[in-house]
Amino acid sequence: MIERKISFDSRELFEHLCGIGDANIVSLERMLSVKLIPRGKNMLVHAPTEEIADNAQKYLEQVQERFSDPVRLRALEAGELLTILKAEAESRAPAGQANISTDFKLFTTFRGKPIYPRTPRQAEFVESILSRPITISLGPAGTGKTFLSIVTACRLLTSGEVDRIILTRPAVEAGESLGFLPGDMVQKVDPYLRPVYDALYDCFGADRTNELIALRKVEIAPLAFMRGRTLSHSVIVLDEAQNCTLLQLKMFLTRLGKDSRMCLSGDASQIDLPPGRSGLKRTMEILSGIDGIGVVEFGREDIVRHPMVTKIVAAFDRAQKEKDA
């Protein structure tokens, strides 16, 4: 975790920024994609990357410079400074960028915990799922592709906008074999669907998730089970899409039925198919520019797991570039 310390000359400005009882801190954290800790007249910034830390430090220093006039500060009402900063941030958003911000509460878990997008690109991803029939995302591990797609699906199911959630993955082994596992294909592939169950348990809890599965409001199945179906009034989430061939992805995408949304997510650095067999990137090329299809590409700056994950991904990226050179 990267840390920065910003000292404020004006206590009055610092108090306006933090809000009464530090009520503004959560909103500022989402705007900047950092963790903020107010201490005295100092603000400690904890960020997952150097770039995010630098951007947050620069922003807070600019705020300090702009609102250094004590007369201007005294004219502000409680909470007005945050309102000004949020309005400015929205007006600076480039054309085509998500209208949903990191302040958008996506879902409240069964434990009462709110879930928000944590980076601007995550917000773009969520908005695309909510507003387009098909969304395709590509990016490294830890960027929230699987989790956010399932949380968004839970939001749509809970609000009544869809009747069911269908979650699927290709039955491709990560260097291992399914054959030795006991049971039928669903039982064999069940361990590979564990991240899907984990996200559902985070949202609904285990008991409610199992109840929804029993009611067929939530369906979890290998990709092969999608063939021949028309999926209407549903959110259909395909995880690990980098392990699908072009023909499999065509089959999946053509299952889209009335009032449904599809979300495909993959990581091009974790392909378990033989070289040249993955169809995800080719699918993105074929479908690019079609109205109603959103494409979101995550980067290392969107990794929201442990800070070590960012370093690990960067190290593997460097090794691959050296190999390709």
Protein backbone atom coordinates (compact mmCIF):
# COMPACT_ATOMS: atom_id res chain seq x y z
CA MET A 1 0.00 0.00 0.00
CA ILE A 2 1.34 3.43 -1.02
CA GLU A 3 1.05 6.20 1.59
CA ARG A 4 1.09 9.97 1.18
CA LYS A 5 0.71 12.71 3.81
CA ILE A 6 -0.88 16.05 2.92
CA SER A 7 -0.67 18.86 5.48
CA PHE A 8 -3.31 21.61 5.48
CA ASP A 9 -2.40 25.15 6.55
CA SER A 10 -6.03 26.06 7.18
CA ARG A 11 -7.90 24.11 9.85
CA GLU A 12 -11.12 25.67 8.57
CA LEU A 13 -10.55 24.21 5.09
CA PHE A 14 -9.59 20.86 6.56
CA GLU A 15 -12.83 20.75 8.58
CA HIS A 16 -14.91 21.72 5.52
CA LEU A 17 -13.20 18.98 3.53
CA CYS A 18 -13.72 16.28 6.18
CA GLY A 19 -17.25 17.38 7.07
CA ILE A 20 -19.02 17.15 10.41
CA GLY A 21 -17.88 13.98 12.14
CA ASP A 22 -15.73 13.20 9.04
CA ALA A 23 -18.95 12.59 7.10
CA ASN A 24 -17.33 13.58 3.77
CA ILE A 25 -14.44 11.13 3.99
CA VAL A 26 -16.26 8.17 2.41
CA SER A 27 -17.35 10.27 -0.59
CA LEU A 28 -13.84 11.65 -1.05
CA GLU A 29 -12.39 8.14 -0.89
CA ARG A 30 -14.69 7.00 -3.68
CA MET A 31 -13.90 10.05 -5.79
CA LEU A 32 -10.17 9.41 -5.47
CA SER A 33 -10.16 5.57 -5.19
CA VAL A 34 -8.06 5.76 -2.01
CA LYS A 35 -8.34 5.34 1.76
CA LEU A 36 -8.21 8.64 3.67
CA ILE A 37 -7.29 9.02 7.35
CA PRO A 38 -7.67 12.53 8.87
CA ARG A 39 -5.21 13.32 11.68
CA GLY A 40 -5.00 16.79 13.17
CA LYS A 41 -4.62 19.01 10.12
CA ASN A 42 -3.07 16.22 8.06
CA MET A 43 -4.64 13.79 5.63
CA LEU A 44 -3.03 10.37 5.22
CA VAL A 45 -3.67 8.85 1.80
CA HIS A 46 -3.42 5.07 1.32
CA ALA A 47 -3.56 3.99 -2.32
CA PRO A 48 -3.05 0.68 -4.15
CA THR A 49 -0.62 2.17 -6.71
CA GLU A 50 1.86 5.04 -7.02
CA GLU A 51 -0.20 6.61 -9.81
CA ILE A 52 -3.42 6.71 -7.77
CA ALA A 53 -1.52 8.05 -4.73
CA ASP A 54 0.10 10.78 -6.83
CA ASN A 55 -3.22 11.78 -8.38
CA ALA A 56 -4.94 11.97 -4.98
CA GLN A 57 -2.09 14.03 -3.50
CA LYS A 58 -2.12 16.43 -6.45
CA TYR A 59 -5.89 16.82 -6.23
CA LEU A 60 -5.92 17.59 -2.48
CA GLU A 61 -3.08 20.07 -2.89
CA GLN A 62 -5.02 21.81 -5.67
CA VAL A 63 -8.10 21.98 -3.43
CA GLN A 64 -5.98 23.56 -0.71
CA GLU A 65 -4.63 26.13 -3.14
CA ARG A 66 -8.04 26.98 -4.62
CA PHE A 67 -9.85 27.38 -1.30
CA SER A 68 -7.12 29.11 0.68
CA ASP A 69 -9.10 32.39 0.92
CA PRO A 70 -10.64 32.49 4.45
CA VAL A 71 -13.42 34.84 3.29
CA ARG A 72 -14.51 32.33 0.65
CA LEU A 73 -14.37 29.50 3.15
CA ARG A 74 -16.56 31.33 5.68
CA ALA A 75 -19.18 31.84 2.95
CA LEU A 76 -19.52 28.08 2.43
CA GLU A 77 -22.26 26.21 4.26
CA ALA A 78 -21.67 22.81 5.82
CA GLY A 79 -21.29 20.19 3.08
CA GLU A 80 -21.14 22.77 0.29
CA LEU A 81 -17.45 22.22 -0.46
CA LEU A 82 -18.00 18.52 -1.14
CA THR A 83 -20.98 19.35 -3.36
CA ILE A 84 -18.80 21.73 -5.40
CA LEU A 85 -16.00 19.17 -5.77
CA LYS A 86 -18.37 16.36 -6.84
CA ALA A 87 -20.11 18.59 -9.40
CA GLU A 88 -16.75 19.60 -10.86
CA ALA A 89 -15.61 15.98 -11.07
CA GLU A 90 -18.78 15.01 -12.98
CA SER A 91 -18.49 17.96 -15.38
CA ARG A 92 -14.88 17.01 -16.22
CA ALA A 93 -15.81 13.45 -17.20
CA PRO A 94 -14.97 12.92 -20.90
CA ALA A 95 -17.66 12.03 -23.42
CA GLY A 96 -18.62 8.38 -23.22
CA GLN A 97 -17.33 7.91 -19.67
CA ALA A 98 -19.64 6.32 -17.12
CA ASN A 99 -22.41 8.48 -15.70
CA ILE A 100 -22.29 6.22 -12.65
CA SER A 101 -19.56 7.36 -10.27
CA THR A 102 -17.77 5.56 -7.46
CA ASP A 103 -20.39 7.16 -5.17
CA PHE A 104 -23.05 4.90 -6.70
CA LYS A 105 -24.29 2.29 -4.20
CA LEU A 106 -24.63 -0.82 -6.31
CA PHE A 107 -26.01 -3.23 -3.73
CA THR A 108 -26.47 -3.73 0.00
CA THR A 109 -25.48 -7.20 1.18
CA PHE A 110 -27.51 -9.38 3.53
CA ARG A 111 -25.21 -8.14 6.30
CA GLY A 112 -26.11 -4.53 5.51
CA LYS A 113 -22.76 -3.72 3.89
CA PRO A 114 -22.97 -1.36 0.88
CA ILE A 115 -21.04 -2.26 -2.27
CA TYR A 116 -19.70 0.49 -4.51
CA PRO A 117 -17.54 0.52 -7.65
CA ARG A 118 -14.05 1.37 -6.44
CA THR A 119 -12.46 2.82 -9.57
CA PRO A 120 -13.82 4.89 -12.50
CA ARG A 121 -13.43 1.91 -14.84
CA GLN A 122 -15.39 -0.31 -12.46
CA ALA A 123 -18.12 2.35 -12.52
CA GLU A 124 -18.02 2.28 -16.33
CA PHE A 125 -18.33 -1.51 -16.24
CA VAL A 126 -21.36 -1.40 -13.93
CA GLU A 127 -23.08 1.27 -16.02
CA SER A 128 -22.55 -0.77 -19.19
CA ILE A 129 -24.19 -3.86 -17.64
CA LEU A 130 -27.14 -1.79 -16.43
CA SER A 131 -27.66 0.07 -19.71
CA ARG A 132 -26.62 -2.32 -22.53
CA PRO A 133 -27.77 -5.78 -23.64
CA ILE A 134 -24.19 -7.10 -23.85
CA THR A 135 -21.03 -6.09 -21.97
CA ILE A 136 -17.60 -7.63 -22.58
CA SER A 137 -14.76 -6.99 -20.13
CA LEU A 138 -11.10 -7.91 -20.28
CA GLY A 139 -8.48 -7.38 -17.61
CA PRO A 140 -6.08 -8.86 -15.06
CA ALA A 141 -6.94 -10.74 -11.90
CA GLY A 142 -8.25 -8.69 -9.01
CA THR A 143 -10.05 -5.99 -11.00
CA GLY A 144 -13.52 -7.06 -9.85
CA LYS A 145 -14.81 -8.41 -13.16
CA THR A 146 -16.51 -11.51 -11.74
CA PHE A 147 -17.59 -9.95 -8.46
CA LEU A 148 -19.09 -6.77 -9.94
CA SER A 149 -20.92 -8.59 -12.72
CA ILE A 150 -22.57 -10.90 -10.18
CA VAL A 151 -23.35 -8.09 -7.73
CA THR A 152 -24.95 -6.11 -10.57
CA ALA A 153 -26.95 -9.20 -11.51
CA CYS A 154 -28.12 -9.48 -7.89
CA ARG A 155 -29.21 -5.84 -8.01
CA LEU A 156 -31.28 -6.44 -11.15
CA LEU A 157 -32.88 -9.59 -9.70
CA THR A 158 -33.71 -7.91 -6.40
CA SER A 159 -35.23 -4.87 -8.13
CA GLY A 160 -37.44 -7.12 -10.29
CA GLU A 161 -35.88 -5.96 -13.58
CA VAL A 162 -35.07 -9.59 -14.42
CA ASP A 163 -36.58 -12.89 -13.31
CA ARG A 164 -33.41 -14.90 -12.87
CA ILE A 165 -29.61 -14.94 -12.89
CA ILE A 166 -27.72 -17.47 -15.00
CA LEU A 167 -24.04 -17.90 -14.17
CA THR A 168 -21.74 -20.00 -16.30
CA ARG A 169 -18.12 -20.88 -16.96
CA PRO A 170 -16.42 -23.05 -19.57
CA ALA A 171 -15.42 -26.47 -18.24
CA VAL A 172 -11.72 -25.95 -18.95
CA GLU A 173 -9.07 -27.17 -16.53
CA ALA A 174 -6.34 -24.84 -15.30
CA GLY A 175 -3.59 -27.34 -16.02
CA GLU A 176 -5.50 -30.08 -14.21
CA SER A 177 -7.96 -32.81 -15.23
CA LEU A 178 -11.69 -32.98 -14.55
CA GLY A 179 -11.86 -36.65 -15.43
CA PHE A 180 -10.66 -38.03 -12.11
CA LEU A 181 -13.30 -36.11 -10.13
CA PRO A 182 -16.42 -38.08 -9.04
CA GLY A 183 -19.96 -37.33 -10.20
CA ASP A 184 -21.60 -36.00 -13.35
CA MET A 185 -20.38 -32.98 -15.32
CA VAL A 186 -22.17 -30.45 -13.07
CA GLN A 187 -20.54 -31.98 -10.00
CA LYS A 188 -17.18 -32.15 -11.75
CA VAL A 189 -17.25 -28.50 -12.76
CA ASP A 190 -18.67 -27.28 -9.43
CA PRO A 191 -15.22 -26.51 -7.91
CA TYR A 192 -14.46 -24.28 -10.91
CA LEU A 193 -17.63 -22.30 -10.20
CA ARG A 194 -16.57 -21.60 -6.62
CA PRO A 195 -15.80 -17.87 -7.23
CA VAL A 196 -19.36 -17.52 -8.52
CA TYR A 197 -20.81 -19.06 -5.35
CA ASP A 198 -18.54 -16.88 -3.21
CA ALA A 199 -19.88 -13.69 -4.82
CA LEU A 200 -23.48 -14.85 -4.37
CA TYR A 201 -22.84 -15.73 -0.73
CA ASP A 202 -21.37 -12.25 -0.19
CA CYS A 203 -24.56 -10.68 -1.56
CA PHE A 204 -27.37 -12.94 -0.37
CA GLY A 205 -25.80 -15.23 2.23
CA ALA A 206 -25.57 -19.01 1.85
CA ASP A 207 -29.14 -19.82 2.93
CA ARG A 208 -30.81 -17.29 0.62
CA THR A 209 -28.52 -18.29 -2.27
CA ASN A 210 -29.46 -21.95 -1.88
CA GLU A 211 -33.14 -20.98 -1.71
CA LEU A 212 -32.85 -18.96 -4.94
CA ILE A 213 -31.10 -21.88 -6.63
CA ALA A 214 -33.89 -24.24 -5.50
CA LEU A 215 -36.48 -21.79 -6.89
CA ARG A 216 -34.48 -21.59 -10.15
CA LYS A 217 -34.11 -17.84 -9.67
CA VAL A 218 -30.37 -18.48 -9.80
CA GLU A 219 -28.90 -21.07 -12.15
CA ILE A 220 -25.23 -22.08 -12.15
CA ALA A 221 -24.08 -24.35 -14.95
CA PRO A 222 -21.20 -25.16 -17.32
CA LEU A 223 -21.22 -23.31 -20.64
CA ALA A 224 -22.07 -26.49 -22.58
CA PHE A 225 -25.49 -26.51 -20.88
CA MET A 226 -26.40 -23.21 -22.63
CA ARG A 227 -26.60 -24.77 -26.10
CA GLY A 228 -30.03 -24.70 -27.74
CA ARG A 229 -31.60 -22.38 -25.18
CA THR A 230 -33.13 -18.90 -25.47
CA LEU A 231 -32.47 -16.96 -22.26
CA SER A 232 -35.13 -14.30 -21.68
CA HIS A 233 -35.80 -11.92 -18.75
CA SER A 234 -32.40 -12.86 -17.33
CA VAL A 235 -28.93 -11.65 -16.50
CA ILE A 236 -26.46 -14.12 -17.98
CA VAL A 237 -22.89 -13.91 -16.71
CA LEU A 238 -20.08 -15.79 -18.47
CA ASP A 239 -16.92 -15.91 -16.37
CA GLU A 240 -13.47 -17.02 -17.60
CA ALA A 241 -14.47 -16.17 -21.17
CA GLN A 242 -10.82 -16.30 -22.27
CA ASN A 243 -11.16 -20.10 -22.10
CA CYS A 244 -13.90 -20.14 -24.74
CA THR A 245 -13.35 -20.73 -28.44
CA LEU A 246 -14.80 -18.39 -31.04
CA LEU A 247 -17.59 -20.88 -31.82
CA GLN A 248 -18.45 -21.27 -28.12
CA LEU A 249 -18.70 -17.51 -27.72
CA LYS A 250 -20.91 -17.23 -30.81
CA MET A 251 -23.14 -19.96 -29.39
CA PHE A 252 -23.33 -18.19 -26.03
CA LEU A 253 -24.02 -14.70 -27.41
CA THR A 254 -26.82 -15.99 -29.64
CA ARG A 255 -28.69 -17.31 -26.57
CA LEU A 256 -29.71 -13.71 -25.73
CA GLY A 257 -33.48 -13.45 -25.34
CA LYS A 258 -36.03 -10.73 -24.67
CA ASP A 259 -35.31 -8.25 -21.84
CA SER A 260 -32.02 -9.94 -20.98
CA ARG A 261 -28.48 -8.75 -20.39
CA MET A 262 -25.25 -10.62 -20.95
CA CYS A 263 -21.90 -10.00 -19.34
CA LEU A 264 -18.69 -11.74 -20.50
CA SER A 265 -15.47 -11.39 -18.52
CA GLY A 266 -11.99 -12.72 -19.14
CA ASP A 267 -8.27 -12.36 -18.52
CA ALA A 268 -6.06 -12.78 -21.60
CA SER A 269 -3.05 -13.61 -19.40
CA GLN A 270 -4.77 -16.72 -17.95
CA ILE A 271 -5.75 -18.72 -21.03
CA ASP A 272 -5.82 -22.48 -20.39
CA LEU A 273 -6.62 -23.46 -24.00
CA PRO A 274 -3.97 -24.48 -26.54
CA PRO A 275 -2.31 -21.47 -28.24
CA GLY A 276 -4.55 -19.73 -30.74
CA ARG A 277 -7.76 -21.38 -29.53
CA SER A 278 -9.14 -18.61 -27.30
CA GLY A 279 -11.81 -16.61 -29.10
CA LEU A 280 -12.34 -13.73 -26.66
CA LYS A 281 -10.12 -11.10 -28.28
CA ARG A 282 -11.34 -12.03 -31.76
CA THR A 283 -14.94 -11.74 -30.55
CA MET A 284 -14.22 -8.26 -29.20
CA GLU A 285 -12.78 -7.27 -32.59
CA ILE A 286 -15.76 -8.69 -34.51
CA LEU A 287 -18.34 -6.97 -32.30
CA SER A 288 -16.54 -3.64 -31.79
CA GLY A 289 -18.63 -0.65 -32.78
CA ILE A 290 -21.99 -2.43 -32.63
CA ASP A 291 -24.57 -0.31 -30.80
CA GLY A 292 -25.71 -2.00 -27.59
CA ILE A 293 -22.44 -3.82 -26.93
CA GLY A 294 -20.14 -2.32 -24.32
CA VAL A 295 -16.44 -3.19 -24.10
CA VAL A 296 -14.51 -2.38 -20.92
CA GLU A 297 -10.76 -3.06 -20.62
CA PHE A 298 -9.40 -3.04 -17.09
CA GLY A 299 -5.79 -2.23 -16.24
CA ARG A 300 -3.47 -2.82 -13.30
CA GLU A 301 -4.67 0.43 -11.76
CA ASP A 302 -8.11 -1.21 -11.29
CA ILE A 303 -6.81 -4.07 -9.14
CA VAL A 304 -8.57 -3.86 -5.78
CA ARG A 305 -7.21 -6.95 -4.05
CA HIS A 306 -4.14 -6.95 -1.82
CA PRO A 307 -1.48 -4.47 -3.12
CA MET A 308 0.83 -7.43 -3.72
CA VAL A 309 -1.52 -8.58 -6.51
CA THR A 310 -0.69 -5.42 -8.48
CA LYS A 311 3.03 -6.13 -8.11
CA ILE A 312 2.59 -9.78 -9.10
CA VAL A 313 0.60 -8.90 -12.23
CA ALA A 314 3.18 -6.26 -13.19
CA ALA A 315 6.04 -8.74 -12.72
CA PHE A 316 4.38 -11.35 -14.93
CA ASP A 317 3.60 -8.69 -17.57
CA ARG A 318 7.28 -7.68 -17.64
CA ALA A 319 8.37 -11.32 -17.95
CA GLN A 320 5.99 -11.86 -20.88
CA LYS A 321 7.24 -8.73 -22.66
CA GLU A 322 10.84 -9.90 -22.22
CA LYS A 323 9.88 -13.31 -23.63
CA ASP A 324 8.12 -11.73 -26.63
CA ALA A 325 11.00 -9.31 -27.34
